Protein backbone atom coordinates (compact mmCIF):
# COMPACT_ATOMS: atom_id res chain seq x y z
CA MET A 1 112.86 85.12 61.09
CA VAL A 2 109.77 85.52 58.61
CA GLU A 3 107.55 82.08 58.71
CA PRO A 4 106.92 81.38 54.97
CA LYS A 5 103.38 81.85 54.01
CA SER A 6 101.00 78.90 52.89
CA LEU A 7 100.34 78.23 49.37
CA ILE A 8 96.77 77.88 50.01
CA GLN A 9 94.61 80.84 50.81
CA ILE A 10 91.56 80.26 52.78
CA ILE A 11 88.48 81.91 51.61
CA THR A 12 85.09 82.51 52.97
CA GLU A 13 82.18 80.60 51.77
CA GLU A 14 80.81 84.21 50.60
CA GLU A 15 83.68 84.88 48.57
CA PHE A 16 83.49 81.06 46.96
CA LEU A 17 79.94 81.84 46.04
CA SER A 18 80.81 84.54 43.80
CA LEU A 19 83.11 82.63 42.24
CA ALA A 20 80.81 79.62 42.08
CA GLN A 21 78.12 81.48 40.34
CA GLU A 22 78.91 81.71 36.68
CA PRO A 23 80.01 78.20 36.52
CA CYS A 24 77.19 76.66 38.28
CA SER A 25 74.64 78.45 36.28
CA GLN A 26 76.04 77.38 32.86
CA LEU A 27 75.75 73.72 34.19
CA LEU A 28 72.20 74.49 35.26
CA ASN A 29 71.07 76.01 32.12
CA ILE A 30 71.56 72.88 30.57
CA PHE A 31 69.63 71.06 33.24
CA PHE A 32 66.77 73.31 32.55
CA LEU A 33 66.80 72.34 28.87
CA PHE A 34 67.18 68.68 29.92
CA GLU A 35 64.03 68.99 32.00
CA LEU A 36 62.36 70.73 29.16
CA ARG A 37 63.15 68.00 26.66
CA GLU A 38 62.00 65.14 29.07
CA GLU A 39 58.65 67.17 29.43
CA ASN A 40 58.01 67.47 25.90
CA ASN A 41 59.20 63.85 25.32
CA MET A 42 62.14 64.80 23.10
CA ASP A 43 65.17 62.58 22.51
CA ILE A 44 68.27 63.48 24.48
CA SER A 45 71.22 63.27 21.69
CA ARG A 46 74.63 62.37 22.29
CA LYS A 47 75.64 65.79 21.55
CA PHE A 48 73.76 66.83 24.57
CA TYR A 49 75.07 64.16 26.90
CA SER A 50 78.51 64.86 25.80
CA ASN A 51 78.27 68.64 26.52
CA LEU A 52 76.52 67.67 29.85
CA ILE A 53 79.34 65.30 30.86
CA GLN A 54 81.80 67.94 29.95
CA GLU A 55 80.21 70.73 32.13
CA SER A 56 79.89 68.51 34.90
CA GLU A 57 83.53 67.44 34.70
CA PHE A 58 84.45 71.07 34.49
CA LEU A 59 82.40 72.07 37.65
CA GLU A 60 83.54 69.07 39.17
CA SER A 61 87.11 70.13 39.06
CA PHE A 62 86.29 73.48 40.02
CA MET A 63 84.79 72.25 42.96
CA ASP A 64 87.56 70.05 43.79
CA GLU A 65 90.21 72.85 43.60
CA HIS A 66 88.20 75.07 45.70
CA GLY A 67 88.26 72.15 48.65
CA ALA A 68 84.11 72.02 48.26
CA ARG A 69 84.30 68.28 48.76
CA GLU A 70 85.34 68.68 52.20
CA ASN A 71 82.94 71.71 53.02
CA LYS A 72 79.97 71.13 54.92
CA LYS A 73 77.72 73.36 52.87
CA TRP A 74 78.94 72.43 49.42
CA SER A 75 79.68 68.48 49.94
CA PHE A 76 76.34 67.37 49.00
CA PHE A 77 76.41 69.72 46.06
CA VAL A 78 79.70 67.89 44.56
CA GLU A 79 78.49 64.28 45.32
CA TYR A 80 74.93 65.22 43.46
CA LEU A 81 77.30 66.67 40.54
CA ALA A 82 79.65 63.51 40.40
CA SER A 83 76.47 61.25 40.56
CA ILE A 84 75.30 63.18 37.49
CA ARG A 85 78.53 62.78 35.72
CA ASN A 86 78.61 59.19 36.10
CA LEU A 87 75.26 58.55 35.17
CA SER A 88 75.30 60.68 32.00
CA ILE A 89 78.57 58.95 30.75
CA ALA A 90 76.32 55.47 31.09
CA ALA A 91 73.45 57.49 29.19
CA PHE A 92 75.87 58.58 26.40
CA PHE A 93 76.66 55.10 25.62
CA THR A 94 73.25 53.70 25.64
CA ARG A 95 72.12 56.53 23.17
CA HIS A 96 75.13 55.62 21.38
CA LEU A 97 74.05 51.99 20.95
CA LEU A 98 70.83 53.04 19.76
CA ASP A 99 71.89 55.33 17.27
CA ARG A 100 74.67 53.15 15.87
CA TYR A 101 72.91 49.81 15.95
CA PRO A 102 71.17 50.03 12.34
CA PHE A 103 74.70 50.65 10.82
CA TYR A 104 76.28 47.85 12.23
CA GLY A 105 74.31 45.21 9.94
CA LEU A 106 73.92 42.64 12.65
CA ARG A 107 72.83 39.18 12.24
CA GLU A 108 70.05 39.67 14.80
CA SER A 109 66.27 38.45 14.30
CA PRO A 110 63.88 40.88 14.18
CA GLU A 111 62.48 39.63 17.41
CA ASN A 112 66.03 40.05 19.34
CA GLU A 113 66.47 43.48 17.98
CA VAL A 114 63.06 45.04 19.01
CA GLU A 115 63.94 43.28 22.69
CA PHE A 116 67.24 44.88 22.81
CA LYS A 117 66.09 48.18 21.55
CA ASN A 118 63.15 48.20 24.11
CA GLU A 119 65.75 46.99 26.97
CA ALA A 120 68.09 49.91 25.94
CA ASN A 121 65.21 52.62 25.62
CA ASN A 122 64.28 51.28 29.49
CA VAL A 123 67.45 51.91 30.46
CA LEU A 124 67.75 55.59 28.97
CA ASN A 125 64.64 56.38 30.87
CA PHE A 126 65.74 55.14 33.87
CA LEU A 127 68.91 57.20 33.85
CA ASN A 128 67.10 60.37 32.53
CA GLN A 129 64.77 60.22 35.34
CA SER A 130 67.71 59.56 37.74
CA ILE A 131 69.67 62.18 36.28
CA LEU A 132 66.70 64.74 36.67
CA ASN A 133 66.25 63.47 40.29
CA LEU A 134 69.74 64.53 40.68
CA PHE A 135 69.68 67.58 39.15
CA GLY A 136 66.60 68.86 41.17
CA GLU A 137 68.67 68.16 44.51
CA LEU A 138 71.57 69.89 43.15
CA TYR A 139 69.46 72.89 42.13
CA SER A 140 67.72 72.95 45.42
CA THR A 141 71.35 72.76 47.21
CA GLY A 142 72.85 75.37 45.00
CA VAL A 143 69.88 77.76 46.09
CA GLU A 144 70.12 77.02 49.50
CA ASN A 145 73.91 77.82 49.59
CA GLY A 146 73.08 81.26 47.76
CA LEU A 147 73.19 80.55 44.11
CA ASN A 148 71.11 82.90 42.17
CA VAL A 149 69.96 81.01 39.30
CA THR A 150 66.99 81.54 37.04
CA ARG A 151 65.37 79.71 34.50
CA ASN A 152 65.62 81.30 31.20
CA PRO A 153 62.78 79.99 28.84
CA ASP A 154 64.06 82.05 25.79
CA SER A 155 67.43 79.98 25.92
CA LYS A 156 68.54 78.84 22.35
CA ILE A 157 71.35 76.37 23.47
CA GLU A 158 70.82 73.03 21.57
CA PHE A 159 72.57 70.13 20.83
CA SER A 160 71.70 68.41 17.68
CA GLU A 161 72.19 64.69 16.34
CA ILE A 162 74.88 63.74 14.33
CA GLU A 163 73.74 60.65 13.02
CA THR A 164 72.63 61.03 9.27
CA ASN A 165 71.60 58.66 6.36
CA LYS A 166 73.68 60.73 3.81
CA ARG A 167 77.31 59.76 3.43
CA LEU A 168 79.91 60.80 0.92
CA PRO A 169 80.99 58.26 -1.51
CA ARG A 170 83.53 55.66 -0.22
CA ASN A 171 86.76 56.01 -2.83
CA VAL A 172 89.76 56.25 -0.55
CA ALA A 173 92.16 53.56 -1.86
CA GLU A 174 91.80 50.45 0.23
CA ASP A 175 94.48 49.87 2.69
CA GLU A 176 97.02 47.11 1.95
CA VAL A 177 98.12 45.85 5.32
CA LYS A 178 100.50 42.99 5.44
CA ASP A 179 99.31 39.71 6.63
CA GLU A 180 95.47 40.51 6.27
CA GLU A 181 94.60 37.00 6.98
CA HIS A 182 96.85 36.44 9.99
CA ARG A 183 95.54 39.49 11.79
CA ILE A 184 92.00 38.51 11.16
CA ILE A 185 92.48 34.96 12.53
CA GLU A 186 94.38 36.79 15.48
CA ILE A 187 90.95 38.84 16.24
CA CYS A 188 88.96 35.82 15.75
CA GLU A 189 90.83 34.07 18.35
CA LYS A 190 90.97 36.68 20.70
CA ILE A 191 87.01 36.90 20.47
CA LYS A 192 86.65 33.61 21.13
CA HIS A 193 88.79 33.75 24.33
CA VAL A 194 86.57 36.78 25.69
CA ALA A 195 83.45 34.57 24.78
CA LYS A 196 84.72 31.66 26.81
CA LEU A 197 85.67 33.85 29.67
CA MET A 198 82.28 35.37 29.62
CA LYS A 199 80.55 31.67 29.15
CA ASP A 200 83.04 30.40 32.23
CA SER A 201 81.72 33.10 34.38
CA LYS A 202 78.22 32.07 34.06
CA VAL A 203 76.76 35.48 33.01
CA HIS A 204 72.90 34.99 33.19
CA ARG A 205 69.78 37.10 33.83
CA ILE A 206 68.75 37.35 37.66
CA VAL A 207 65.45 38.26 38.98
CA ASP A 208 65.61 37.89 42.74
CA ILE A 209 66.79 40.96 44.32
CA LYS A 210 68.99 39.51 46.77
CA ASP A 211 70.74 37.07 43.98
CA LEU A 212 71.26 40.39 41.89
CA LYS A 213 72.75 42.39 44.87
CA LEU A 214 75.01 39.39 45.80
CA ALA A 215 76.22 38.99 41.85
CA VAL A 216 76.88 42.59 41.40
CA LEU A 217 78.77 43.15 44.91
CA GLN A 218 81.00 39.80 44.60
CA LYS A 219 81.29 39.30 40.54
CA PHE A 220 79.61 41.13 38.04
CA ASN A 221 81.27 44.34 39.58
CA GLU A 222 83.39 47.39 38.16
CA LYS A 223 86.31 45.70 38.15
CA ARG A 224 84.99 42.87 36.20
CA ALA A 225 83.25 45.14 33.50
CA ARG A 226 86.86 47.04 33.36
CA MET A 227 88.46 43.69 32.93
CA TYR A 228 85.79 42.33 30.17
CA LYS A 229 85.99 46.16 28.24
CA ASN A 230 89.96 46.31 28.07
CA LEU A 231 90.05 42.81 26.58
CA VAL A 232 87.27 43.98 23.77
CA HIS A 233 88.78 47.52 23.34
CA ASN A 234 92.05 45.62 22.29
CA ILE A 235 90.22 43.74 19.90
CA GLN A 236 88.65 46.74 18.37
CA SER A 237 91.93 48.62 18.19
CA ASP A 238 93.52 45.64 16.39
CA PHE A 239 90.46 45.44 13.99
CA ASP A 240 90.79 49.21 13.19
CA THR A 241 94.62 49.00 12.62
CA PHE A 242 94.86 46.03 10.57
CA ILE A 243 91.67 45.37 9.09
CA LYS A 244 89.29 48.24 8.63
CA ASN A 245 89.45 49.74 5.03
CA THR A 246 91.39 47.02 3.56
CA LYS A 247 90.63 44.39 0.82
CA LEU A 248 89.78 41.98 3.23
CA GLU A 249 87.13 43.80 4.74
CA MET A 250 85.72 44.79 1.47
CA ASN A 251 85.59 40.99 0.05
CA TYR A 252 84.20 39.42 3.03
CA SER A 253 80.82 40.13 4.32
CA GLU A 254 81.47 38.52 7.62
CA VAL A 255 84.33 40.59 8.26
CA LYS A 256 82.45 43.84 7.89
CA ILE A 257 79.79 42.73 10.37
CA MET A 258 82.34 41.72 12.73
CA ARG A 259 83.16 45.45 13.84
CA GLY A 260 79.55 45.71 14.84
CA TYR A 261 79.87 42.33 17.34
CA ILE A 262 82.92 44.10 18.71
CA SER A 263 81.46 47.67 19.33
CA MET A 264 78.43 46.34 20.75
CA PRO A 265 79.90 44.48 23.82
CA LEU A 266 82.29 47.24 24.18
CA HIS A 267 79.76 50.07 24.69
CA LEU A 268 77.47 48.10 26.72
CA LEU A 269 80.28 47.04 29.13
CA GLU A 270 81.04 50.85 29.23
CA VAL A 271 77.54 51.29 30.68
CA ALA A 272 78.03 48.35 33.00
CA LEU A 273 81.29 49.82 34.13
CA TRP A 274 80.01 53.27 34.80
CA LEU A 275 76.71 52.33 36.87
CA ALA A 276 78.50 49.63 38.54
CA HIS A 277 80.97 52.68 39.72
CA PHE A 278 77.95 54.57 40.73
CA TYR A 279 76.66 51.67 42.83
CA GLU A 280 80.19 50.92 44.53
CA ARG A 281 80.39 54.44 45.14
CA HIS A 282 77.01 55.63 46.44
CA GLU A 283 75.57 52.47 47.63
CA ASP A 284 74.84 53.28 51.18
CA GLU A 285 75.40 49.91 52.83
CA ILE A 286 78.77 49.86 51.36
CA ARG A 287 79.94 53.38 52.33
CA HIS A 288 78.11 55.12 54.90
CA GLY A 289 77.50 58.94 55.03
CA GLU A 290 74.35 60.81 54.80
CA SER A 291 75.48 62.11 51.09
CA LYS A 292 75.19 58.24 50.21
CA LYS A 293 71.74 57.58 51.78
CA ARG A 294 70.30 60.63 49.88
CA ILE A 295 71.62 59.58 46.74
CA SER A 296 70.35 55.87 47.21
CA VAL A 297 66.87 57.63 47.46
CA LEU A 298 67.34 59.51 44.36
CA VAL A 299 68.45 56.76 42.17
CA ASN A 300 66.46 53.31 42.62
CA LYS A 301 68.82 50.73 43.66
CA GLU A 302 67.01 47.69 42.61
CA THR A 303 66.56 49.26 39.16
CA LEU A 304 70.23 50.02 38.83
CA LEU A 305 71.39 46.62 39.86
CA ASP A 306 69.01 45.23 37.29
CA LYS A 307 70.72 47.53 34.60
CA ILE A 308 74.01 46.63 35.49
CA MET A 309 73.44 42.70 35.41
CA ASN A 310 70.69 42.11 33.06
CA PHE A 311 71.53 44.76 30.49
CA GLY A 312 75.24 45.37 30.51
CA PHE A 313 76.53 42.06 31.52
CA TYR A 314 73.97 39.99 30.03
CA TYR A 315 73.64 41.63 26.36
CA SER A 316 77.47 42.28 26.37
CA GLN A 317 77.91 38.39 26.58
CA HIS A 318 75.10 38.07 24.15
CA PHE A 319 76.89 40.17 21.20
CA VAL A 320 80.32 38.66 22.03
CA ALA A 321 78.54 35.04 21.63
CA GLU A 322 77.47 35.87 18.36
CA GLY A 323 80.48 37.39 17.39
CA LYS A 324 82.23 34.01 18.38
CA LYS A 325 79.78 32.36 16.05
CA LEU A 326 80.75 34.77 13.31
CA ALA A 327 84.50 34.30 14.06
CA ASP A 328 84.13 30.36 13.51
CA ASP A 329 82.38 31.11 10.26
CA ILE A 330 85.17 33.65 9.11
CA LEU A 331 88.01 31.06 10.40
CA ASP A 332 86.49 28.34 8.50
CA CYS A 333 87.08 30.43 5.37
CA PHE A 334 90.73 30.80 6.10
CA SER A 335 90.97 27.01 7.25
CA LYS A 336 94.30 25.68 6.03
CA ILE A 337 95.25 22.06 6.53
CA VAL A 338 98.80 21.55 6.78
CA ARG A 339 101.41 19.13 7.31
CA VAL A 340 105.12 20.06 9.02
CA GLU A 341 108.00 17.84 10.35
CA LEU A 342 109.17 18.87 13.47
CA PRO A 343 111.96 17.60 15.72
CA ILE A 344 111.19 15.61 18.80
CA PRO A 345 112.16 17.01 22.37
CA GLN A 346 115.29 16.63 23.62
CA PRO A 347 116.81 14.79 25.45
CA LEU A 348 114.02 12.55 26.57
CA GLY A 349 111.61 12.61 23.79
CA PHE A 350 107.38 12.86 24.40
CA HIS A 351 107.47 12.27 27.90
CA ALA A 352 104.86 13.84 30.37
CA ARG A 353 106.04 17.46 30.18
CA PRO A 354 105.84 17.95 26.39
CA SER A 355 103.29 15.59 25.57
CA THR A 356 100.95 17.74 28.01
CA TYR A 357 102.12 20.83 26.59
CA VAL A 358 101.25 19.65 22.80
CA SER A 359 97.73 18.35 24.20
CA LEU A 360 97.27 21.77 25.89
CA ILE A 361 97.62 23.26 22.59
CA ALA A 362 95.43 20.93 20.78
CA ARG A 363 92.61 21.66 23.29
CA GLN A 364 93.09 25.42 23.27
CA TYR A 365 91.78 24.96 19.64
CA ASP A 366 89.26 22.60 20.54
CA ASP A 367 87.16 22.96 17.40
CA LEU A 368 90.29 22.20 15.22
CA ASP A 369 91.95 18.61 15.06
CA LEU A 370 95.74 18.01 15.19
CA PHE A 371 97.55 14.84 14.84
CA MET A 372 100.60 13.47 15.04
CA ILE A 373 101.40 11.09 12.27
CA ILE A 374 104.26 8.09 12.61
CA ASP A 375 104.43 5.56 9.71
CA GLY A 376 100.95 6.72 8.41
CA GLU A 377 99.49 6.21 11.88
CA LYS A 378 97.65 9.01 13.22
CA PHE A 379 97.82 9.89 17.23
CA ASN A 380 95.20 12.36 18.72
CA THR A 381 97.03 15.02 20.38
CA LYS A 382 94.26 16.09 22.41
CA SER A 383 94.89 12.86 24.53
CA VAL A 384 98.11 12.84 26.61
CA MET A 385 97.83 9.14 26.69
CA SER A 386 98.00 9.02 22.75
CA LEU A 387 101.07 11.19 23.05
CA LEU A 388 102.70 9.09 25.38
CA GLN A 389 102.14 6.03 23.24
CA ALA A 390 103.15 7.66 20.27
CA GLY A 391 106.57 9.01 22.27
CA GLY A 392 107.19 5.30 22.77
CA THR A 393 106.70 4.38 19.36
CA LEU A 394 109.35 7.19 18.25
CA ALA A 395 111.87 5.99 20.89
CA ASP A 396 111.69 2.23 19.79
CA LYS A 397 112.21 3.32 16.21
CA GLY A 398 114.76 5.82 16.97
CA TYR A 399 113.23 8.63 15.00
CA GLN A 400 114.41 12.26 15.66
CA SER A 401 111.61 14.09 13.93
CA VAL A 402 107.81 13.45 13.80
CA LEU A 403 105.00 14.85 11.29
CA PHE A 404 102.04 17.06 12.49
CA GLU A 405 98.84 17.64 10.52
CA GLY A 406 96.65 20.33 11.56
CA ASP A 407 95.34 23.78 10.98
CA LYS A 408 97.53 26.49 10.05
CA ARG A 409 96.78 28.20 13.13
CA VAL A 410 97.41 25.33 15.58
CA ILE A 411 100.31 24.00 13.86
CA GLU A 412 102.12 27.53 14.06
CA ASP A 413 101.71 27.40 17.96
CA VAL A 414 103.38 23.60 17.94
CA ARG A 415 106.13 25.10 15.43
CA ILE A 416 106.88 27.68 18.30
CA LEU A 417 106.89 25.07 21.04
CA ALA A 418 109.36 22.78 19.28
CA LYS A 419 111.42 26.05 18.30
CA HIS A 420 111.64 26.11 22.30
CA ASN A 421 112.56 22.60 22.61
CA TYR A 422 108.63 21.91 23.91
CA CYS A 423 109.56 24.00 26.91
CA GLU A 424 111.63 21.37 28.53
CA GLU A 425 113.64 24.03 30.24
CA GLY A 426 110.58 25.41 31.75
CA GLU A 427 110.34 28.93 29.63
CA ILE A 428 107.00 29.43 27.96
CA PRO A 429 107.24 31.93 25.00
CA ALA A 430 105.13 35.13 25.06
CA ARG A 431 102.92 33.67 21.90
CA LEU A 432 101.89 30.17 24.25
CA SER A 433 101.38 32.25 27.21
CA TYR A 434 97.96 30.77 27.62
CA LEU A 435 99.71 27.26 28.30
CA ARG A 436 100.47 28.81 32.15
CA ASP A 437 96.87 29.22 32.81
CA LEU A 438 95.77 25.97 31.05
CA ASN A 439 98.53 23.97 32.97
CA SER A 440 97.52 25.35 36.21
CA SER A 441 93.52 24.59 35.43
CA SER A 442 94.17 21.22 34.44
């Protein structure tokens, strides 16, 4: 009986070297150009970073396919490569922030603008130097392993800028999107929700290195950055799907500016995410190993922590908070006070459970008023005690319905609550899912 052959063929390190020569040379040629641009104080464009990321990902896949990560001779090379890729992604988004900032039309003071741009350039300088440090070790390790790579001073590879102040006329017909006002109201409410989450998590600048390290390890880490990023990305997707290029965006300057206050924190959180990922992957006190120790020397840990917290998280919160102010201004434009008559809860009227749910809805929209009106008397729905008092009045008079007055947004949620009999059976509709969180925290 013939034994089946293994699908994996073991090759020698010499055979692998001949296979690795060309893809490694392609990446290292970009490194030489990167180094040359830095020496001549030339900016690294987004296109350059993009190509660097692409070549790094390709080479890393090549290395993984050949088991280089598990080979003593090549394991350090792959770790340096992965580190270059991670930091290049963070650099790409930082460069993108600087390139796009003038086009967002943000309502920032000149002082705030200068401060942010200086901080972003400091981050970019740190990342570029760290990438160069890692590239230097990658090159040295490759040469030690037998790679034959020579600098080509006549190389014509270039990655140009893609930004320009020259634009084609904007003459595409403005899209007609159903319920535009409802969509922008939803987007504004989502921005306010993210702003509240970030404010409650107490994002602030931290100077002391011990406190900084503790904050990044325990709280402001890759997981937190990914959560915030996904929330903001969903808002941007909604904006681009339902608001961009509509008459609503054209007619309201605040709505046009809103897109910038969504994009800024989104890309800042991308920076925080990739830097936190790098820190958690290569911080030698988290994951022990020689390669982790080597990389922690090449990339300054204290500066890295500072950029994660005091640039990525801090400024993302700043722009989300400014976006909330803009959202409040937009919501004021669409504020509509309405009255609606709704049935009372069955069979017990406004006892503790339904009164609590109505109060939670009112407090969810804390900047809006919502009243229950009985025979001309207004009851403040943000107070459960006030609603219980109103419930007693309704029971005494035998009323089966009651009048609510408030902004259209909060009234709509109360209408949904009433449609589900004020959740007397315990089922909370998806539109009111926030009631679960509020109820458990109250």
